[in-house]
C-alpha atoms as a PDB file:
ATOM      1  CA  MET A   1     206.886  61.887 284.592  1.00  0.00           C
ATOM      2  CA  THR A   2     206.783  58.361 283.210  1.00  0.00           C
ATOM      3  CA  PRO A   3     206.777  55.368 285.573  1.00  0.00           C
ATOM      4  CA  LYS A   4     210.315  54.550 284.415  1.00  0.00           C
ATOM      5  CA  GLU A   5     211.547  58.082 285.175  1.00  0.00           C
ATOM      6  CA  LYS A   6     209.788  58.096 288.566  1.00  0.00           C
ATOM      7  CA  SER A   7     211.258  54.713 289.509  1.00  0.00           C
ATOM      8  CA  LYS A   8     214.784  55.921 288.720  1.00  0.00           C
ATOM      9  CA  LYS A   9     214.240  59.162 290.642  1.00  0.00           C
ATOM     10  CA  LEU A  10     212.992  57.320 293.738  1.00  0.00           C
ATOM     11  CA  VAL A  11     215.852  54.818 293.722  1.00  0.00           C
ATOM     12  CA  ASP A  12     218.401  57.593 293.140  1.00  0.00           C
ATOM     13  CA  ARG A  13     217.053  59.585 296.102  1.00  0.00           C
ATOM     14  CA  PHE A  14     217.291  56.595 298.422  1.00  0.00           C
ATOM     15  CA  ARG A  15     220.698  55.704 296.967  1.00  0.00           C
ATOM     16  CA  LEU A  16     221.994  59.117 297.996  1.00  0.00           C
ATOM     17  CA  LEU A  17     220.591  58.576 301.478  1.00  0.00           C
ATOM     18  CA  VAL A  18     222.377  55.232 301.776  1.00  0.00           C
ATOM     19  CA  LEU A  19     225.607  56.717 300.405  1.00  0.00           C
ATOM     20  CA  ARG A  20     225.519  59.484 302.993  1.00  0.00           C
ATOM     21  CA  ARG A  21     225.723  56.857 305.709  1.00  0.00           C
ATOM     22  CA  GLU A  22     229.202  55.992 304.359  1.00  0.00           C
ATOM     23  CA  TYR A  23     228.826  52.275 304.791  1.00  0.00           C
ATOM     24  CA  ASN A  24     231.656  50.199 303.407  1.00  0.00           C
ATOM     25  CA  VAL A  25     229.489  48.228 300.982  1.00  0.00           C
ATOM     26  CA  SER A  26     229.469  47.624 297.258  1.00  0.00           C
ATOM     27  CA  GLU A  27     227.638  49.878 294.816  1.00  0.00           C
ATOM     28  CA  ARG A  28     225.394  46.947 293.895  1.00  0.00           C
ATOM     29  CA  LEU A  29     224.328  46.504 297.522  1.00  0.00           C
ATOM     30  CA  ILE A  30     223.673  50.235 297.830  1.00  0.00           C
ATOM     31  CA  ILE A  31     221.402  50.071 294.774  1.00  0.00           C
ATOM     32  CA  GLU A  32     219.588  47.021 296.173  1.00  0.00           C
ATOM     33  CA  LEU A  33     219.023  48.791 299.501  1.00  0.00           C
ATOM     34  CA  ALA A  34     217.777  51.892 297.687  1.00  0.00           C
ATOM     35  CA  LYS A  35     215.423  49.756 295.588  1.00  0.00           C
ATOM     36  CA  GLN A  36     213.992  48.142 298.712  1.00  0.00           C
ATOM     37  CA  CYS A  37     213.388  51.576 300.256  1.00  0.00           C
ATOM     38  CA  ALA A  38     211.707  52.821 297.086  1.00  0.00           C
ATOM     39  CA  LEU A  39     209.529  49.694 296.875  1.00  0.00           C
ATOM     40  CA  ILE A  40     208.395  50.141 300.477  1.00  0.00           C
ATOM     41  CA  CYS A  41     207.466  53.732 299.623  1.00  0.00           C
ATOM     42  CA  VAL A  42     205.505  52.711 296.519  1.00  0.00           C
ATOM     43  CA  ASP A  43     203.750  49.868 298.369  1.00  0.00           C
ATOM     44  CA  GLU A  44     202.578  52.344 300.989  1.00  0.00           C
ATOM     45  CA  ILE A  45     201.255  54.691 298.303  1.00  0.00           C
ATOM     46  CA  ILE A  46     199.421  51.808 296.614  1.00  0.00           C
ATOM     47  CA  ASN A  47     197.977  50.498 299.878  1.00  0.00           C
ATOM     48  CA  ILE A  48     196.682  53.797 301.237  1.00  0.00           C
ATOM     49  CA  GLY A  49     195.972  55.528 297.952  1.00  0.00           C
ATOM     50  CA  SER A  50     193.959  52.877 296.165  1.00  0.00           C
ATOM     51  CA  ASN A  51     190.732  54.447 295.021  1.00  0.00           C
ATOM     52  CA  PRO A  52     188.396  52.173 293.036  1.00  0.00           C
ATOM     53  CA  ASN A  53     186.769  55.255 291.475  1.00  0.00           C
ATOM     54  CA  ASN A  54     190.113  56.460 290.079  1.00  0.00           C
ATOM     55  CA  PRO A  55     192.323  53.506 289.140  1.00  0.00           C
ATOM     56  CA  THR A  56     194.664  55.641 287.001  1.00  0.00           C
ATOM     57  CA  GLY A  57     196.874  56.577 289.967  1.00  0.00           C
ATOM     58  CA  LEU A  58     197.030  52.986 291.128  1.00  0.00           C
ATOM     59  CA  TYR A  59     198.133  51.796 287.687  1.00  0.00           C
ATOM     60  CA  TYR A  60     200.819  54.468 287.543  1.00  0.00           C
ATOM     61  CA  TRP A  61     202.327  53.391 290.879  1.00  0.00           C
ATOM     62  CA  GLN A  62     202.130  49.716 289.935  1.00  0.00           C
ATOM     63  CA  GLU A  63     204.102  50.562 286.786  1.00  0.00           C
ATOM     64  CA  VAL A  64     206.624  52.511 288.886  1.00  0.00           C
ATOM     65  CA  LYS A  65     207.045  49.424 291.059  1.00  0.00           C
ATOM     66  CA  GLN A  66     207.661  47.259 287.997  1.00  0.00           C
ATOM     67  CA  GLU A  67     210.274  49.717 286.727  1.00  0.00           C
ATOM     68  CA  ILE A  68     212.055  49.741 290.102  1.00  0.00           C
ATOM     69  CA  ASN A  69     212.320  45.975 289.950  1.00  0.00           C
ATOM     70  CA  LYS A  70     213.895  46.248 286.473  1.00  0.00           C
ATOM     71  CA  LEU A  71     216.713  48.518 287.709  1.00  0.00           C
END
């Protein structure tokens, strides 16, 4: 899965979670909340999964984070 595909999948999953709460908010706000949730998730993965001997995974998640911010 490309970083762009992963970023969309993460945001979509959190978007569904926010939608299930049935808040009376705009779609744009729901997407922003979902993006923030996804970014927190990716930051945690980067922070605890950083392995200097295998930077490939770190680069992937940094790219995912960049793609989330583009949504």
